[in-house]
Amino acid sequence: MGFRKLRLSIEEAKEMDMVNYLSSLGHEPLKIRNNDHWYLSPLREEKTPSFKINRKLNRWYDHGLGKGGNLVDFGIEYHRCTVGELLDSLSGNFSLQQPIIHHAKVEE
């Protein structure tokens, strides 16, 4: 008899480190200033980083979209999925497709 891994609660998912989660999705910050980690938005195409994660608060904000929130809010937006599907994915019970977004290389 197989054992099914328990699903994370929403509260447990919200406590997961956003910077580590983005790294697991292949997104790395282009600039770090104190607790703020700046990225090219994983939610849309852009050439200048305007997606910020405050690591102390563990919250994100996309200045181009005018949206922000916690890891659950981000995961639902990023994967275009339900809360249940995201929690299953974070628990290792379900695989979500990552959106294909091609970012232009940032010139410095």
PDB file of N, CA and C in Angstrom:
ATOM      1  N   MET A   1       0.844  -1.179   0.000  1.00  0.00           N
ATOM      2  CA  MET A   1       0.000   0.000   0.000  1.00  0.00           C
ATOM      3  C   MET A   1       0.883   1.234   0.000  1.00  0.00           C
ATOM      4  N   GLY A   2       0.617   2.160  -0.912  1.00  0.00           N
ATOM      5  CA  GLY A   2       1.421   3.375  -1.008  1.00  0.00           C
ATOM      6  C   GLY A   2       0.941   4.433  -0.036  1.00  0.00           C
ATOM      7  N   PHE A   3       1.841   5.290   0.331  1.00  0.00           N
ATOM      8  CA  PHE A   3       1.500   6.391   1.227  1.00  0.00           C
ATOM      9  C   PHE A   3       1.481   7.679   0.430  1.00  0.00           C
ATOM     10  N   ARG A   4       0.411   8.409   0.550  1.00  0.00           N
ATOM     11  CA  ARG A   4       0.295   9.698  -0.128  1.00  0.00           C
ATOM     12  C   ARG A   4       0.850  10.778   0.798  1.00  0.00           C
ATOM     13  N   LYS A   5       1.690  11.604   0.242  1.00  0.00           N
ATOM     14  CA  LYS A   5       2.262  12.709   0.997  1.00  0.00           C
ATOM     15  C   LYS A   5       1.148  13.706   1.348  1.00  0.00           C
ATOM     16  N   LEU A   6       1.155  14.214   2.557  1.00  0.00           N
ATOM     17  CA  LEU A   6       0.143  15.182   2.960  1.00  0.00           C
ATOM     18  C   LEU A   6       0.328  16.493   2.224  1.00  0.00           C
ATOM     19  N   ARG A   7      -0.778  17.158   1.965  1.00  0.00           N
ATOM     20  CA  ARG A   7      -0.760  18.449   1.285  1.00  0.00           C
ATOM     21  C   ARG A   7      -0.395  19.538   2.292  1.00  0.00           C
ATOM     22  N   LEU A   8       0.431  20.489   1.840  1.00  0.00           N
ATOM     23  CA  LEU A   8       0.739  21.658   2.662  1.00  0.00           C
ATOM     24  C   LEU A   8      -0.534  22.452   2.919  1.00  0.00           C
ATOM     25  N   SER A   9      -0.592  23.105   4.055  1.00  0.00           N
ATOM     26  CA  SER A   9      -1.691  24.030   4.301  1.00  0.00           C
ATOM     27  C   SER A   9      -1.365  25.355   3.611  1.00  0.00           C
ATOM     28  N   ILE A  10      -2.368  26.197   3.461  1.00  0.00           N
ATOM     29  CA  ILE A  10      -2.134  27.519   2.868  1.00  0.00           C
ATOM     30  C   ILE A  10      -1.143  28.291   3.729  1.00  0.00           C
ATOM     31  N   GLU A  11      -1.278  28.206   5.039  1.00  0.00           N
ATOM     32  CA  GLU A  11      -0.365  28.923   5.932  1.00  0.00           C
ATOM     33  C   GLU A  11       1.074  28.435   5.771  1.00  0.00           C
ATOM     34  N   GLU A  12       1.264  27.116   5.645  1.00  0.00           N
ATOM     35  CA  GLU A  12       2.618  26.567   5.440  1.00  0.00           C
ATOM     36  C   GLU A  12       3.194  27.051   4.112  1.00  0.00           C
ATOM     37  N   ALA A  13       2.359  27.087   3.074  1.00  0.00           N
ATOM     38  CA  ALA A  13       2.820  27.544   1.757  1.00  0.00           C
ATOM     39  C   ALA A  13       3.227  29.013   1.825  1.00  0.00           C
ATOM     40  N   LYS A  14       2.456  29.832   2.537  1.00  0.00           N
ATOM     41  CA  LYS A  14       2.765  31.256   2.656  1.00  0.00           C
ATOM     42  C   LYS A  14       4.086  31.494   3.379  1.00  0.00           C
ATOM     43  N   GLU A  15       4.506  30.545   4.214  1.00  0.00           N
ATOM     44  CA  GLU A  15       5.756  30.695   4.962  1.00  0.00           C
ATOM     45  C   GLU A  15       6.976  30.257   4.172  1.00  0.00           C
ATOM     46  N   MET A  16       6.783  29.595   3.043  1.00  0.00           N
ATOM     47  CA  MET A  16       7.921  29.182   2.213  1.00  0.00           C
ATOM     48  C   MET A  16       8.648  30.421   1.713  1.00  0.00           C
ATOM     49  N   ASP A  17       9.973  30.344   1.642  1.00  0.00           N
ATOM     50  CA  ASP A  17      10.786  31.482   1.221  1.00  0.00           C
ATOM     51  C   ASP A  17      10.559  31.783  -0.260  1.00  0.00           C
ATOM     52  N   MET A  18      10.091  32.990  -0.550  1.00  0.00           N
ATOM     53  CA  MET A  18       9.790  33.388  -1.935  1.00  0.00           C
ATOM     54  C   MET A  18      11.041  33.408  -2.817  1.00  0.00           C
ATOM     55  N   VAL A  19      12.168  33.881  -2.271  1.00  0.00           N
ATOM     56  CA  VAL A  19      13.406  33.948  -3.063  1.00  0.00           C
ATOM     57  C   VAL A  19      13.827  32.537  -3.466  1.00  0.00           C
ATOM     58  N   ASN A  20      13.772  31.596  -2.541  1.00  0.00           N
ATOM     59  CA  ASN A  20      14.120  30.208  -2.868  1.00  0.00           C
ATOM     60  C   ASN A  20      13.133  29.609  -3.867  1.00  0.00           C
ATOM     61  N   TYR A  21      11.853  29.933  -3.715  1.00  0.00           N
ATOM     62  CA  TYR A  21      10.843  29.414  -4.637  1.00  0.00           C
ATOM     63  C   TYR A  21      11.095  29.924  -6.054  1.00  0.00           C
ATOM     64  N   LEU A  22      11.351  31.215  -6.196  1.00  0.00           N
ATOM     65  CA  LEU A  22      11.639  31.747  -7.527  1.00  0.00           C
ATOM     66  C   LEU A  22      12.896  31.112  -8.107  1.00  0.00           C
ATOM     67  N   SER A  23      13.896  30.894  -7.274  1.00  0.00           N
ATOM     68  CA  SER A  23      15.119  30.239  -7.727  1.00  0.00           C
ATOM     69  C   SER A  23      14.811  28.832  -8.247  1.00  0.00           C
ATOM     70  N   SER A  24      13.920  28.111  -7.565  1.00  0.00           N
ATOM     71  CA  SER A  24      13.558  26.756  -8.005  1.00  0.00           C
ATOM     72  C   SER A  24      12.833  26.779  -9.349  1.00  0.00           C
ATOM     73  N   LEU A  25      12.231  27.932  -9.687  1.00  0.00           N
ATOM     74  CA  LEU A  25      11.555  28.092 -10.975  1.00  0.00           C
ATOM     75  C   LEU A  25      12.492  28.634 -12.052  1.00  0.00           C
ATOM     76  N   GLY A  26      13.756  28.915 -11.666  1.00  0.00           N
ATOM     77  CA  GLY A  26      14.748  29.396 -12.634  1.00  0.00           C
ATOM     78  C   GLY A  26      14.874  30.905 -12.705  1.00  0.00           C
ATOM     79  N   HIS A  27      14.346  31.621 -11.722  1.00  0.00           N
ATOM     80  CA  HIS A  27      14.411  33.084 -11.703  1.00  0.00           C
ATOM     81  C   HIS A  27      15.364  33.532 -10.598  1.00  0.00           C
ATOM     82  N   GLU A  28      16.350  34.336 -10.975  1.00  0.00           N
ATOM     83  CA  GLU A  28      17.323  34.850 -10.013  1.00  0.00           C
ATOM     84  C   GLU A  28      17.246  36.376  -9.983  1.00  0.00           C
ATOM     85  N   PRO A  29      17.494  36.972  -8.813  1.00  0.00           N
ATOM     86  CA  PRO A  29      17.439  38.441  -8.735  1.00  0.00           C
ATOM     87  C   PRO A  29      18.559  39.085  -9.542  1.00  0.00           C
ATOM     88  N   LEU A  30      18.247  40.224 -10.150  1.00  0.00           N
ATOM     89  CA  LEU A  30      19.264  40.982 -10.875  1.00  0.00           C
ATOM     90  C   LEU A  30      19.912  42.020  -9.971  1.00  0.00           C
ATOM     91  N   LYS A  31      19.213  42.362  -8.886  1.00  0.00           N
ATOM     92  CA  LYS A  31      19.738  43.356  -7.956  1.00  0.00           C
ATOM     93  C   LYS A  31      19.197  43.022  -6.565  1.00  0.00           C
ATOM     94  N   ILE A  32      20.058  43.151  -5.557  1.00  0.00           N
ATOM     95  CA  ILE A  32      19.640  42.954  -4.169  1.00  0.00           C
ATOM     96  C   ILE A  32      20.065  44.184  -3.389  1.00  0.00           C
ATOM     97  N   ARG A  33      19.100  44.786  -2.712  1.00  0.00           N
ATOM     98  CA  ARG A  33      19.386  45.943  -1.867  1.00  0.00           C
ATOM     99  C   ARG A  33      18.693  45.704  -0.535  1.00  0.00           C
ATOM    100  N   ASN A  34      19.486  45.502   0.513  1.00  0.00           N
ATOM    101  CA  ASN A  34      18.960  45.166   1.842  1.00  0.00           C
ATOM    102  C   ASN A  34      18.053  43.938   1.739  1.00  0.00           C
ATOM    103  N   ASN A  35      16.784  44.061   2.108  1.00  0.00           N
ATOM    104  CA  ASN A  35      15.858  42.931   2.044  1.00  0.00           C
ATOM    105  C   ASN A  35      15.140  42.812   0.707  1.00  0.00           C
ATOM    106  N   ASP A  36      15.362  43.760  -0.201  1.00  0.00           N
ATOM    107  CA  ASP A  36      14.658  43.778  -1.477  1.00  0.00           C
ATOM    108  C   ASP A  36      15.460  43.068  -2.570  1.00  0.00           C
ATOM    109  N   HIS A  37      14.821  42.093  -3.194  1.00  0.00           N
ATOM    110  CA  HIS A  37      15.395  41.338  -4.305  1.00  0.00           C
ATOM    111  C   HIS A  37      14.599  41.710  -5.554  1.00  0.00           C
ATOM    112  N   TRP A  38      15.287  42.255  -6.555  1.00  0.00           N
ATOM    113  CA  TRP A  38      14.640  42.741  -7.774  1.00  0.00           C
ATOM    114  C   TRP A  38      14.871  41.770  -8.921  1.00  0.00           C
ATOM    115  N   TYR A  39      13.804  41.477  -9.646  1.00  0.00           N
ATOM    116  CA  TYR A  39      13.813  40.512 -10.747  1.00  0.00           C
ATOM    117  C   TYR A  39      13.175  41.127 -11.993  1.00  0.00           C
ATOM    118  N   LEU A  40      13.510  40.538 -13.151  1.00  0.00           N
ATOM    119  CA  LEU A  40      12.653  40.727 -14.308  1.00  0.00           C
ATOM    120  C   LEU A  40      11.380  39.965 -13.962  1.00  0.00           C
ATOM    121  N   SER A  41      10.248  40.531 -14.237  1.00  0.00           N
ATOM    122  CA  SER A  41       8.992  39.906 -13.829  1.00  0.00           C
ATOM    123  C   SER A  41       8.836  38.507 -14.414  1.00  0.00           C
ATOM    124  N   PRO A  42       8.564  37.524 -13.560  1.00  0.00           N
ATOM    125  CA  PRO A  42       8.267  36.184 -14.070  1.00  0.00           C
ATOM    126  C   PRO A  42       6.839  36.085 -14.613  1.00  0.00           C
ATOM    127  N   LEU A  43       6.058  37.157 -14.456  1.00  0.00           N
ATOM    128  CA  LEU A  43       4.656  37.141 -14.867  1.00  0.00           C
ATOM    129  C   LEU A  43       4.409  37.801 -16.218  1.00  0.00           C
ATOM    130  N   ARG A  44       5.423  38.474 -16.760  1.00  0.00           N
ATOM    131  CA  ARG A  44       5.268  39.177 -18.035  1.00  0.00           C
ATOM    132  C   ARG A  44       6.656  39.480 -18.576  1.00  0.00           C
ATOM    133  N   GLU A  45       6.714  39.954 -19.809  1.00  0.00           N
ATOM    134  CA  GLU A  45       8.006  40.311 -20.400  1.00  0.00           C
ATOM    135  C   GLU A  45       8.354  41.749 -20.060  1.00  0.00           C
ATOM    136  N   GLU A  46       9.603  41.966 -19.724  1.00  0.00           N
ATOM    137  CA  GLU A  46      10.099  43.317 -19.471  1.00  0.00           C
ATOM    138  C   GLU A  46      11.617  43.327 -19.600  1.00  0.00           C
ATOM    139  N   LYS A  47      12.170  44.522 -19.732  1.00  0.00           N
ATOM    140  CA  LYS A  47      13.614  44.664 -19.878  1.00  0.00           C
ATOM    141  C   LYS A  47      14.279  45.254 -18.644  1.00  0.00           C
ATOM    142  N   THR A  48      13.496  45.868 -17.768  1.00  0.00           N
ATOM    143  CA  THR A  48      14.019  46.479 -16.545  1.00  0.00           C
ATOM    144  C   THR A  48      13.356  45.814 -15.348  1.00  0.00           C
ATOM    145  N   PRO A  49      14.145  45.353 -14.384  1.00  0.00           N
ATOM    146  CA  PRO A  49      13.542  44.656 -13.240  1.00  0.00           C
ATOM    147  C   PRO A  49      12.569  45.549 -12.465  1.00  0.00           C
ATOM    148  N   SER A  50      11.313  45.091 -12.370  1.00  0.00           N
ATOM    149  CA  SER A  50      10.319  45.830 -11.599  1.00  0.00           C
ATOM    150  C   SER A  50       9.495  44.899 -10.718  1.00  0.00           C
ATOM    151  N   PHE A  51       9.967  43.678 -10.572  1.00  0.00           N
ATOM    152  CA  PHE A  51       9.327  42.696  -9.712  1.00  0.00           C
ATOM    153  C   PHE A  51      10.189  42.574  -8.461  1.00  0.00           C
ATOM    154  N   LYS A  52       9.601  42.874  -7.304  1.00  0.00           N
ATOM    155  CA  LYS A  52      10.382  42.922  -6.068  1.00  0.00           C
ATOM    156  C   LYS A  52       9.853  41.920  -5.058  1.00  0.00           C
ATOM    157  N   ILE A  53      10.781  41.248  -4.402  1.00  0.00           N
ATOM    158  CA  ILE A  53      10.441  40.436  -3.235  1.00  0.00           C
ATOM    159  C   ILE A  53      11.134  41.069  -2.037  1.00  0.00           C
ATOM    160  N   ASN A  54      10.356  41.375  -1.014  1.00  0.00           N
ATOM    161  CA  ASN A  54      10.931  41.814   0.256  1.00  0.00           C
ATOM    162  C   ASN A  54      11.115  40.547   1.072  1.00  0.00           C
ATOM    163  N   ARG A  55      12.369  40.140   1.259  1.00  0.00           N
ATOM    164  CA  ARG A  55      12.647  38.862   1.904  1.00  0.00           C
ATOM    165  C   ARG A  55      12.248  38.866   3.378  1.00  0.00           C
ATOM    166  N   LYS A  56      12.357  40.005   4.028  1.00  0.00           N
ATOM    167  CA  LYS A  56      11.979  40.077   5.447  1.00  0.00           C
ATOM    168  C   LYS A  56      10.476  39.843   5.607  1.00  0.00           C
ATOM    169  N   LEU A  57       9.681  40.463   4.741  1.00  0.00           N
ATOM    170  CA  LEU A  57       8.227  40.302   4.803  1.00  0.00           C
ATOM    171  C   LEU A  57       7.746  39.059   4.059  1.00  0.00           C
ATOM    172  N   ASN A  58       8.616  38.520   3.173  1.00  0.00           N
ATOM    173  CA  ASN A  58       8.297  37.384   2.314  1.00  0.00           C
ATOM    174  C   ASN A  58       7.072  37.687   1.448  1.00  0.00           C
ATOM    175  N   ARG A  59       7.082  38.881   0.862  1.00  0.00           N
ATOM    176  CA  ARG A  59       6.000  39.348   0.000  1.00  0.00           C
ATOM    177  C   ARG A  59       6.586  39.851  -1.314  1.00  0.00           C
ATOM    178  N   TRP A  60       5.797  39.768  -2.375  1.00  0.00           N
ATOM    179  CA  TRP A  60       6.229  40.227  -3.698  1.00  0.00           C
ATOM    180  C   TRP A  60       5.325  41.355  -4.171  1.00  0.00           C
ATOM    181  N   TYR A  61       5.874  42.142  -5.098  1.00  0.00           N
ATOM    182  CA  TYR A  61       5.085  43.183  -5.753  1.00  0.00           C
ATOM    183  C   TYR A  61       5.626  43.369  -7.158  1.00  0.00           C
ATOM    184  N   ASP A  62       4.726  43.329  -8.136  1.00  0.00           N
ATOM    185  CA  ASP A  62       5.090  43.571  -9.525  1.00  0.00           C
ATOM    186  C   ASP A  62       4.612  44.982  -9.862  1.00  0.00           C
ATOM    187  N   HIS A  63       5.568  45.902  -9.969  1.00  0.00           N
ATOM    188  CA  HIS A  63       5.233  47.303 -10.208  1.00  0.00           C
ATOM    189  C   HIS A  63       4.561  47.510 -11.560  1.00  0.00           C
ATOM    190  N   GLY A  64       4.879  46.702 -12.547  1.00  0.00           N
ATOM    191  CA  GLY A  64       4.271  46.838 -13.864  1.00  0.00           C
ATOM    192  C   GLY A  64       2.814  46.392 -13.897  1.00  0.00           C
ATOM    193  N   LEU A  65       2.481  45.415 -13.067  1.00  0.00           N
ATOM    194  CA  LEU A  65       1.103  44.919 -13.008  1.00  0.00           C
ATOM    195  C   LEU A  65       0.291  45.614 -11.913  1.00  0.00           C
ATOM    196  N   GLY A  66       0.995  46.182 -10.934  1.00  0.00           N
ATOM    197  CA  GLY A  66       0.296  46.764  -9.794  1.00  0.00           C
ATOM    198  C   GLY A  66      -0.312  45.700  -8.900  1.00  0.00           C
ATOM    199  N   LYS A  67       0.311  44.513  -8.872  1.00  0.00           N
ATOM    200  CA  LYS A  67      -0.176  43.397  -8.059  1.00  0.00           C
ATOM    201  C   LYS A  67       0.934  42.906  -7.149  1.00  0.00           C
ATOM    202  N   GLY A  68       0.540  42.294  -6.046  1.00  0.00           N
ATOM    203  CA  GLY A  68       1.503  41.716  -5.135  1.00  0.00           C
ATOM    204  C   GLY A  68       0.823  40.761  -4.188  1.00  0.00           C
ATOM    205  N   GLY A  69       1.601  40.203  -3.270  1.00  0.00           N
ATOM    206  CA  GLY A  69       1.019  39.295  -2.288  1.00  0.00           C
ATOM    207  C   GLY A  69       2.039  38.343  -1.721  1.00  0.00           C
ATOM    208  N   ASN A  70       1.548  37.167  -1.352  1.00  0.00           N
ATOM    209  CA  ASN A  70       2.393  36.138  -0.755  1.00  0.00           C
ATOM    210  C   ASN A  70       2.693  35.048  -1.785  1.00  0.00           C
ATOM    211  N   LEU A  71       3.328  33.988  -1.352  1.00  0.00           N
ATOM    212  CA  LEU A  71       3.721  32.918  -2.269  1.00  0.00           C
ATOM    213  C   LEU A  71       2.511  32.261  -2.922  1.00  0.00           C
ATOM    214  N   VAL A  72       1.428  32.080  -2.183  1.00  0.00           N
ATOM    215  CA  VAL A  72       0.234  31.458  -2.752  1.00  0.00           C
ATOM    216  C   VAL A  72      -0.348  32.345  -3.860  1.00  0.00           C
ATOM    217  N   ASP A  73      -0.440  33.643  -3.594  1.00  0.00           N
ATOM    218  CA  ASP A  73      -0.934  34.573  -4.618  1.00  0.00           C
ATOM    219  C   ASP A  73      -0.064  34.504  -5.872  1.00  0.00           C
ATOM    220  N   PHE A  74       1.253  34.486  -5.670  1.00  0.00           N
ATOM    221  CA  PHE A  74       2.179  34.422  -6.800  1.00  0.00           C
ATOM    222  C   PHE A  74       2.009  33.116  -7.576  1.00  0.00           C
ATOM    223  N   GLY A  75       1.980  31.995  -6.855  1.00  0.00           N
ATOM    224  CA  GLY A  75       1.886  30.687  -7.510  1.00  0.00           C
ATOM    225  C   GLY A  75       0.647  30.543  -8.363  1.00  0.00           C
ATOM    226  N   ILE A  76      -0.485  31.041  -7.875  1.00  0.00           N
ATOM    227  CA  ILE A  76      -1.737  30.979  -8.627  1.00  0.00           C
ATOM    228  C   ILE A  76      -1.626  31.816  -9.896  1.00  0.00           C
ATOM    229  N   GLU A  77      -1.041  32.990  -9.776  1.00  0.00           N
ATOM    230  CA  GLU A  77      -0.864  33.886 -10.931  1.00  0.00           C
ATOM    231  C   GLU A  77       0.145  33.291 -11.928  1.00  0.00           C
ATOM    232  N   TYR A  78       1.257  32.791 -11.427  1.00  0.00           N
ATOM    233  CA  TYR A  78       2.347  32.276 -12.267  1.00  0.00           C
ATOM    234  C   TYR A  78       1.930  31.013 -13.027  1.00  0.00           C
ATOM    235  N   HIS A  79       1.332  30.063 -12.301  1.00  0.00           N
ATOM    236  CA  HIS A  79       0.979  28.774 -12.903  1.00  0.00           C
ATOM    237  C   HIS A  79      -0.423  28.758 -13.506  1.00  0.00           C
ATOM    238  N   ARG A  80      -1.196  29.820 -13.238  1.00  0.00           N
ATOM    239  CA  ARG A  80      -2.594  29.885 -13.697  1.00  0.00           C
ATOM    240  C   ARG A  80      -3.338  28.628 -13.254  1.00  0.00           C
ATOM    241  N   CYS A  81      -3.375  28.432 -11.947  1.00  0.00           N
ATOM    242  CA  CYS A  81      -3.948  27.226 -11.375  1.00  0.00           C
ATOM    243  C   CYS A  81      -4.842  27.577 -10.186  1.00  0.00           C
ATOM    244  N   THR A  82      -5.442  26.569  -9.612  1.00  0.00           N
ATOM    245  CA  THR A  82      -6.253  26.763  -8.411  1.00  0.00           C
ATOM    246  C   THR A  82      -5.362  26.684  -7.168  1.00  0.00           C
ATOM    247  N   VAL A  83      -5.906  27.107  -6.047  1.00  0.00           N
ATOM    248  CA  VAL A  83      -5.171  26.995  -4.778  1.00  0.00           C
ATOM    249  C   VAL A  83      -4.840  25.531  -4.504  1.00  0.00           C
ATOM    250  N   GLY A  84      -5.818  24.638  -4.699  1.00  0.00           N
ATOM    251  CA  GLY A  84      -5.603  23.209  -4.453  1.00  0.00           C
ATOM    252  C   GLY A  84      -4.499  22.626  -5.321  1.00  0.00           C
ATOM    253  N   GLU A  85      -4.490  22.991  -6.601  1.00  0.00           N
ATOM    254  CA  GLU A  85      -3.442  22.498  -7.499  1.00  0.00           C
ATOM    255  C   GLU A  85      -2.076  23.009  -7.062  1.00  0.00           C
ATOM    256  N   LEU A  86      -2.009  24.276  -6.643  1.00  0.00           N
ATOM    257  CA  LEU A  86      -0.731  24.832  -6.185  1.00  0.00           C
ATOM    258  C   LEU A  86      -0.256  24.115  -4.935  1.00  0.00           C
ATOM    259  N   LEU A  87      -1.149  23.898  -3.975  1.00  0.00           N
ATOM    260  CA  LEU A  87      -0.760  23.219  -2.730  1.00  0.00           C
ATOM    261  C   LEU A  87      -0.318  21.791  -3.009  1.00  0.00           C
ATOM    262  N   ASP A  88      -0.986  21.103  -3.931  1.00  0.00           N
ATOM    263  CA  ASP A  88      -0.554  19.749  -4.318  1.00  0.00           C
ATOM    264  C   ASP A  88       0.839  19.799  -4.928  1.00  0.00           C
ATOM    265  N   SER A  89       1.081  20.793  -5.789  1.00  0.00           N
ATOM    266  CA  SER A  89       2.388  20.927  -6.431  1.00  0.00           C
ATOM    267  C   SER A  89       3.486  21.198  -5.400  1.00  0.00           C
ATOM    268  N   LEU A  90       3.212  22.110  -4.482  1.00  0.00           N
ATOM    269  CA  LEU A  90       4.210  22.447  -3.460  1.00  0.00           C
ATOM    270  C   LEU A  90       4.478  21.276  -2.532  1.00  0.00           C
ATOM    271  N   SER A  91       3.503  20.373  -2.402  1.00  0.00           N
ATOM    272  CA  SER A  91       3.647  19.191  -1.545  1.00  0.00           C
ATOM    273  C   SER A  91       4.293  18.026  -2.285  1.00  0.00           C
ATOM    274  N   GLY A  92       4.520  18.199  -3.593  1.00  0.00           N
ATOM    275  CA  GLY A  92       5.140  17.139  -4.383  1.00  0.00           C
ATOM    276  C   GLY A  92       4.161  16.109  -4.908  1.00  0.00           C
ATOM    277  N   ASN A  93       2.856  16.384  -4.820  1.00  0.00           N
ATOM    278  CA  ASN A  93       1.849  15.434  -5.278  1.00  0.00           C
ATOM    279  C   ASN A  93       1.370  15.706  -6.695  1.00  0.00           C
ATOM    280  N   PHE A  94       1.775  16.818  -7.278  1.00  0.00           N
ATOM    281  CA  PHE A  94       1.201  17.252  -8.545  1.00  0.00           C
ATOM    282  C   PHE A  94       2.244  18.086  -9.252  1.00  0.00           C
ATOM    283  N   SER A  95       2.293  17.999 -10.566  1.00  0.00           N
ATOM    284  CA  SER A  95       3.258  18.777 -11.330  1.00  0.00           C
ATOM    285  C   SER A  95       2.529  19.840 -12.138  1.00  0.00           C
ATOM    286  N   LEU A  96       2.976  21.063 -12.015  1.00  0.00           N
ATOM    287  CA  LEU A  96       2.390  22.163 -12.782  1.00  0.00           C
ATOM    288  C   LEU A  96       3.314  22.533 -13.932  1.00  0.00           C
ATOM    289  N   GLN A  97       2.720  22.875 -15.042  1.00  0.00           N
ATOM    290  CA  GLN A  97       3.504  23.354 -16.168  1.00  0.00           C
ATOM    291  C   GLN A  97       3.961  24.781 -15.882  1.00  0.00           C
ATOM    292  N   GLN A  98       5.201  25.063 -16.190  1.00  0.00           N
ATOM    293  CA  GLN A  98       5.687  26.433 -16.056  1.00  0.00           C
ATOM    294  C   GLN A  98       5.363  27.172 -17.341  1.00  0.00           C
ATOM    295  N   PRO A  99       4.897  28.412 -17.230  1.00  0.00           N
ATOM    296  CA  PRO A  99       4.623  29.174 -18.446  1.00  0.00           C
ATOM    297  C   PRO A  99       5.916  29.449 -19.198  1.00  0.00           C
ATOM    298  N   ILE A 100       5.781  29.550 -20.495  1.00  0.00           N
ATOM    299  CA  ILE A 100       6.956  29.850 -21.314  1.00  0.00           C
ATOM    300  C   ILE A 100       6.990  31.353 -21.551  1.00  0.00           C
ATOM    301  N   ILE A 101       7.916  32.020 -20.905  1.00  0.00           N
ATOM    302  CA  ILE A 101       8.099  33.456 -21.084  1.00  0.00           C
ATOM    303  C   ILE A 101       9.538  33.663 -21.513  1.00  0.00           C
ATOM    304  N   HIS A 102       9.708  34.273 -22.650  1.00  0.00           N
ATOM    305  CA  HIS A 102      11.061  34.533 -23.140  1.00  0.00           C
ATOM    306  C   HIS A 102      11.428  35.959 -22.763  1.00  0.00           C
ATOM    307  N   HIS A 103      12.445  36.104 -21.930  1.00  0.00           N
ATOM    308  CA  HIS A 103      12.895  37.413 -21.518  1.00  0.00           C
ATOM    309  C   HIS A 103      14.026  37.880 -22.431  1.00  0.00           C
ATOM    310  N   ALA A 104      13.953  39.114 -22.786  1.00  0.00           N
ATOM    311  CA  ALA A 104      15.055  39.712 -23.543  1.00  0.00           C
ATOM    312  C   ALA A 104      16.226  39.897 -22.593  1.00  0.00           C
ATOM    313  N   LYS A 105      17.419  39.738 -23.084  1.00  0.00           N
ATOM    314  CA  LYS A 105      18.589  39.930 -22.239  1.00  0.00           C
ATOM    315  C   LYS A 105      18.711  41.398 -21.850  1.00  0.00           C
ATOM    316  N   VAL A 106      18.963  41.628 -20.572  1.00  0.00           N
ATOM    317  CA  VAL A 106      19.086  42.984 -20.068  1.00  0.00           C
ATOM    318  C   VAL A 106      20.471  43.501 -20.372  1.00  0.00           C
ATOM    319  N   GLU A 107      20.521  44.656 -20.996  1.00  0.00           N
ATOM    320  CA  GLU A 107      21.804  45.274 -21.281  1.00  0.00           C
ATOM    321  C   GLU A 107      22.129  46.260 -20.179  1.00  0.00           C
ATOM    322  N   GLU A 108      23.352  46.233 -19.705  1.00  0.00           N
ATOM    323  CA  GLU A 108      23.744  47.137 -18.621  1.00  0.00           C
ATOM    324  C   GLU A 108      24.634  48.227 -19.120  1.00  0.00           C
TER     325      GLU A 108
END
